[in-house]
Amino acid sequence: MARPNPTAALRELERLAADPEAQSRYAAELLMSERRARLVGPALAALGQLPIPEARPALLRLYADLDADGTRHDAGGGFRAAALRALRPWATVSDLPLLERAVTTYEFLPPGRSEEAAPIRAAGLVALADLDPELAGFYAARLLVDVYTSRLSGEPGKTAAGVLAARSEHLALYLYTLRPGQHDDVVAECLRHLAGAPDPIARELCARYGPEASEAAQLGLVDMLVARPDRALF
């Protein structure tokens, strides 16, 4: 595919919005060779709406290209995370090395050298859980307590809590609620998945995350209690 005029390519993507399948096919064609951010973003957005198997080669190539120097061409990992989400329905066991690399990707950006690759780790973990739940469980346990969990989004800790909950690893979630220095949003996600906790534990969590707790934690606690309406605590 010849390198398109960006304006014309964006117009074509917009024109095809009424036909999502055709739009996704065009997006996949763009991503086979296109690396300009103004086109990569919209193309990935189209594939995020309707992932198609034909896009798999383009997504793998895009990820490899961006990952070669992520801090330069994909600062923050947004494009790679989107590529992983679009790839997820069509991922195979041959992609396990890529996904393991994703869940162990850390990138530190200037000027403060803050770590910004949390979206990649989160997206990689979700895809990994589809292919190898046991392996994903081990990575999720590590990412739940990742010291580089984003202070803004709570990722990849929130995603890790969901993966562990899907494996009924409730003890790990409970342990997180007890540790010092937790992230409020991650605590909230853990609480949401502890609705089945024994009554004494649920009462303890109510006391711990009562009026003095953060708003996020309190919302998680409310969700936990709503999910157990037939089990009075007090």
Protein backbone atom coordinates (compact mmCIF):
# COMPACT_ATOMS: atom_id res chain seq x y z
CA MET A 1 0.00 0.00 0.00
CA ALA A 2 1.45 3.34 -1.06
CA ARG A 3 2.02 5.83 1.72
CA PRO A 4 -1.25 7.76 1.85
CA ASN A 5 -1.87 11.44 2.21
CA PRO A 6 -2.74 11.82 5.91
CA THR A 7 -5.74 14.04 5.31
CA ALA A 8 -7.12 11.73 2.66
CA ALA A 9 -6.55 8.66 4.85
CA LEU A 10 -8.35 10.23 7.79
CA ARG A 11 -11.24 11.18 5.55
CA GLU A 12 -11.43 7.62 4.27
CA LEU A 13 -11.49 6.24 7.81
CA GLU A 14 -14.28 8.64 8.66
CA ARG A 15 -16.20 7.79 5.47
CA LEU A 16 -16.06 4.10 6.32
CA ALA A 17 -17.48 4.60 9.81
CA ALA A 18 -20.89 3.48 8.53
CA ASP A 19 -19.31 0.14 7.58
CA PRO A 20 -17.23 -0.91 10.62
CA GLU A 21 -15.84 -4.03 8.98
CA ALA A 22 -14.61 -2.12 5.95
CA GLN A 23 -13.23 0.57 8.24
CA SER A 24 -11.29 -2.02 10.24
CA ARG A 25 -9.91 -3.60 7.06
CA TYR A 26 -8.74 -0.20 5.87
CA ALA A 27 -7.21 0.51 9.29
CA ALA A 28 -5.32 -2.78 9.11
CA GLU A 29 -3.99 -1.87 5.67
CA LEU A 30 -2.79 1.46 7.00
CA LEU A 31 -0.98 -0.14 9.93
CA MET A 32 0.98 -2.53 7.74
CA SER A 33 3.36 0.33 6.97
CA GLU A 34 2.02 3.56 8.47
CA ARG A 35 3.80 4.88 11.56
CA ARG A 36 2.73 8.52 11.64
CA ALA A 37 1.00 9.15 14.94
CA ARG A 38 -1.84 11.13 13.39
CA LEU A 39 -2.84 8.02 11.44
CA VAL A 40 -1.81 5.25 13.83
CA GLY A 41 -4.08 6.57 16.57
CA PRO A 42 -7.31 6.67 14.51
CA ALA A 43 -6.50 3.34 12.84
CA LEU A 44 -6.04 1.66 16.23
CA ALA A 45 -9.25 3.30 17.47
CA ALA A 46 -11.14 1.74 14.55
CA LEU A 47 -9.67 -1.68 15.30
CA GLY A 48 -10.50 -1.20 18.96
CA GLN A 49 -14.14 -0.83 18.00
CA LEU A 50 -14.08 -3.90 15.76
CA PRO A 51 -10.99 -6.12 16.01
CA ILE A 52 -10.61 -8.35 12.96
CA PRO A 53 -8.33 -11.36 12.41
CA GLU A 54 -6.91 -9.86 9.21
CA ALA A 55 -5.31 -7.12 11.31
CA ARG A 56 -3.14 -9.54 13.27
CA PRO A 57 0.00 -9.26 11.07
CA ALA A 58 -0.23 -5.47 11.00
CA LEU A 59 -0.68 -5.25 14.77
CA LEU A 60 2.27 -7.52 15.45
CA ARG A 61 4.47 -5.53 13.08
CA LEU A 62 3.33 -2.23 14.59
CA TYR A 63 4.01 -3.45 18.11
CA ALA A 64 7.48 -4.67 17.21
CA ASP A 65 8.34 -1.38 15.49
CA LEU A 66 7.12 0.76 18.37
CA ASP A 67 8.67 -1.46 20.99
CA ALA A 68 12.08 -1.10 19.39
CA ASP A 69 12.25 2.43 20.78
CA GLY A 70 9.06 3.01 22.70
CA THR A 71 10.08 6.11 24.58
CA ARG A 72 10.72 7.87 21.29
CA HIS A 73 7.80 6.72 19.12
CA ASP A 74 5.18 5.70 21.69
CA ALA A 75 5.84 7.65 24.87
CA GLY A 76 3.41 6.44 27.50
CA GLY A 77 2.64 3.22 25.63
CA GLY A 78 -0.80 4.23 24.43
CA PHE A 79 -0.36 2.86 20.91
CA ARG A 80 1.15 -0.42 22.07
CA ALA A 81 -1.60 -0.91 24.65
CA ALA A 82 -4.23 -0.27 21.97
CA ALA A 83 -2.50 -2.72 19.64
CA LEU A 84 -2.56 -5.38 22.36
CA ARG A 85 -6.26 -4.82 22.97
CA ALA A 86 -7.03 -5.15 19.26
CA LEU A 87 -4.82 -8.24 19.04
CA ARG A 88 -6.33 -9.93 22.07
CA PRO A 89 -9.24 -11.76 20.35
CA TRP A 90 -6.83 -13.27 17.82
CA ALA A 91 -3.79 -13.89 20.02
CA THR A 92 -2.31 -17.38 19.98
CA VAL A 93 0.20 -19.25 22.10
CA SER A 94 2.89 -18.06 19.70
CA ASP A 95 2.29 -14.59 21.14
CA LEU A 96 3.16 -15.60 24.70
CA PRO A 97 6.71 -14.19 24.51
CA LEU A 98 5.34 -10.86 23.28
CA LEU A 99 2.77 -10.75 26.07
CA GLU A 100 5.34 -11.65 28.71
CA ARG A 101 7.48 -8.83 27.41
CA ALA A 102 4.49 -6.51 27.63
CA VAL A 103 3.76 -7.31 31.29
CA THR A 104 7.40 -6.67 32.15
CA THR A 105 7.81 -3.44 30.17
CA TYR A 106 8.90 -0.38 32.14
CA GLU A 107 9.81 2.93 30.53
CA PHE A 108 11.03 6.01 32.35
CA LEU A 109 10.47 9.35 30.69
CA PRO A 110 12.10 12.72 31.21
CA PRO A 111 12.17 15.20 32.75
CA GLY A 112 11.36 13.44 36.02
CA ARG A 113 12.11 9.92 34.78
CA SER A 114 8.61 8.84 35.78
CA GLU A 115 7.50 5.35 34.77
CA GLU A 116 4.82 5.55 32.08
CA ALA A 117 4.32 2.05 30.62
CA ALA A 118 1.52 0.94 32.97
CA PRO A 119 -1.03 0.76 30.10
CA ILE A 120 1.17 -1.77 28.29
CA ARG A 121 1.51 -3.98 31.36
CA ALA A 122 -2.24 -3.88 31.99
CA ALA A 123 -3.22 -4.68 28.40
CA GLY A 124 -0.61 -7.41 28.16
CA LEU A 125 -1.86 -9.02 31.36
CA VAL A 126 -5.45 -9.21 30.12
CA ALA A 127 -4.40 -10.86 26.87
CA LEU A 128 -2.05 -13.21 28.71
CA ALA A 129 -4.88 -14.30 31.01
CA ASP A 130 -6.83 -15.54 27.97
CA LEU A 131 -3.98 -17.74 26.79
CA ASP A 132 -2.33 -18.95 30.00
CA PRO A 133 -4.41 -18.18 33.10
CA GLU A 134 -1.95 -19.79 35.49
CA LEU A 135 1.02 -17.81 34.21
CA ALA A 136 -1.09 -14.66 34.17
CA GLY A 137 -1.99 -15.30 37.80
CA PHE A 138 1.65 -15.19 38.82
CA TYR A 139 2.26 -11.99 36.88
CA ALA A 140 -0.94 -10.50 38.32
CA ALA A 141 0.26 -11.19 41.86
CA ARG A 142 3.44 -9.26 41.11
CA LEU A 143 1.68 -6.42 39.32
CA LEU A 144 -0.84 -6.05 42.13
CA VAL A 145 2.00 -4.74 44.30
CA ASP A 146 3.96 -3.12 41.48
CA VAL A 147 5.83 -0.16 42.99
CA TYR A 148 5.40 1.61 39.65
CA THR A 149 1.62 1.41 39.66
CA SER A 150 0.33 4.65 38.16
CA ARG A 151 -0.71 7.11 40.82
CA LEU A 152 -3.26 8.52 38.38
CA SER A 153 -4.95 5.41 36.97
CA GLY A 154 -4.11 2.69 39.47
CA GLU A 155 -2.87 0.50 36.62
CA PRO A 156 -1.71 -2.18 36.28
CA GLY A 157 -2.82 -2.90 39.85
CA LYS A 158 -6.54 -2.60 39.10
CA THR A 159 -6.27 -4.98 36.17
CA ALA A 160 -4.17 -7.37 38.24
CA ALA A 161 -6.91 -7.42 40.92
CA GLY A 162 -9.47 -8.38 38.29
CA VAL A 163 -7.29 -11.17 36.91
CA LEU A 164 -6.68 -12.56 40.41
CA ALA A 165 -10.40 -12.36 41.21
CA ALA A 166 -11.19 -14.34 38.06
CA ARG A 167 -8.92 -17.07 39.46
CA SER A 168 -10.59 -16.85 42.88
CA GLU A 169 -7.31 -15.66 44.42
CA HIS A 170 -9.20 -13.75 47.10
CA LEU A 171 -6.52 -14.11 49.75
CA ALA A 172 -4.14 -12.04 47.63
CA LEU A 173 -6.77 -9.32 47.29
CA TYR A 174 -7.44 -9.34 51.01
CA LEU A 175 -3.74 -9.14 51.77
CA TYR A 176 -3.44 -6.08 49.55
CA THR A 177 -6.11 -4.26 51.57
CA LEU A 178 -3.94 -4.74 54.67
CA ARG A 179 -0.61 -3.57 53.31
CA PRO A 180 0.72 -0.05 53.93
CA GLY A 181 1.07 2.38 51.07
CA GLN A 182 -1.73 0.95 48.93
CA HIS A 183 -3.21 2.77 45.97
CA ASP A 184 -6.77 3.86 46.76
CA ASP A 185 -8.16 2.77 43.37
CA VAL A 186 -6.49 -0.64 43.66
CA VAL A 187 -7.90 -1.07 47.17
CA ALA A 188 -11.34 -0.25 45.79
CA GLU A 189 -10.98 -2.87 43.06
CA CYS A 190 -9.88 -5.48 45.60
CA LEU A 191 -12.84 -4.68 47.84
CA ARG A 192 -15.29 -5.09 44.96
CA HIS A 193 -14.09 -8.65 44.51
CA LEU A 194 -14.30 -9.55 48.21
CA ALA A 195 -18.09 -9.70 48.43
CA GLY A 196 -17.85 -13.38 49.29
CA ALA A 197 -15.50 -12.87 52.23
CA PRO A 198 -16.54 -14.44 55.55
CA ASP A 199 -18.58 -12.15 57.77
CA PRO A 200 -15.78 -11.41 60.28
CA ILE A 201 -13.48 -10.34 57.43
CA ALA A 202 -16.19 -8.23 55.82
CA ARG A 203 -16.83 -6.50 59.16
CA GLU A 204 -13.11 -5.86 59.53
CA LEU A 205 -13.00 -4.30 56.06
CA CYS A 206 -15.99 -2.10 56.91
CA ALA A 207 -14.17 -0.84 59.97
CA ARG A 208 -10.91 -0.32 58.11
CA TYR A 209 -12.46 1.51 55.17
CA GLY A 210 -15.13 3.47 56.97
CA PRO A 211 -15.63 7.27 57.14
CA GLU A 212 -11.91 8.04 57.41
CA ALA A 213 -10.99 6.16 54.23
CA SER A 214 -10.62 7.71 50.80
CA GLU A 215 -13.66 8.24 48.62
CA ALA A 216 -12.42 5.62 46.14
CA ALA A 217 -12.01 2.99 48.86
CA GLN A 218 -15.43 3.78 50.31
CA LEU A 219 -17.02 3.34 46.88
CA GLY A 220 -15.32 -0.04 46.56
CA LEU A 221 -16.62 -0.99 49.99
CA VAL A 222 -20.17 0.02 49.04
CA ASP A 223 -19.94 -2.12 45.90
CA MET A 224 -18.75 -5.02 48.04
CA LEU A 225 -21.70 -4.66 50.42
CA VAL A 226 -24.25 -4.27 47.63
CA ALA A 227 -23.02 -7.55 46.16
CA ARG A 228 -23.88 -9.37 49.40
CA PRO A 229 -27.40 -8.06 50.23
CA ASP A 230 -28.53 -11.34 51.82
CA ARG A 231 -25.70 -11.37 54.35
CA ALA A 232 -26.29 -8.92 57.17
CA LEU A 233 -23.08 -7.90 58.93
CA PHE A 234 -24.34 -5.94 61.93
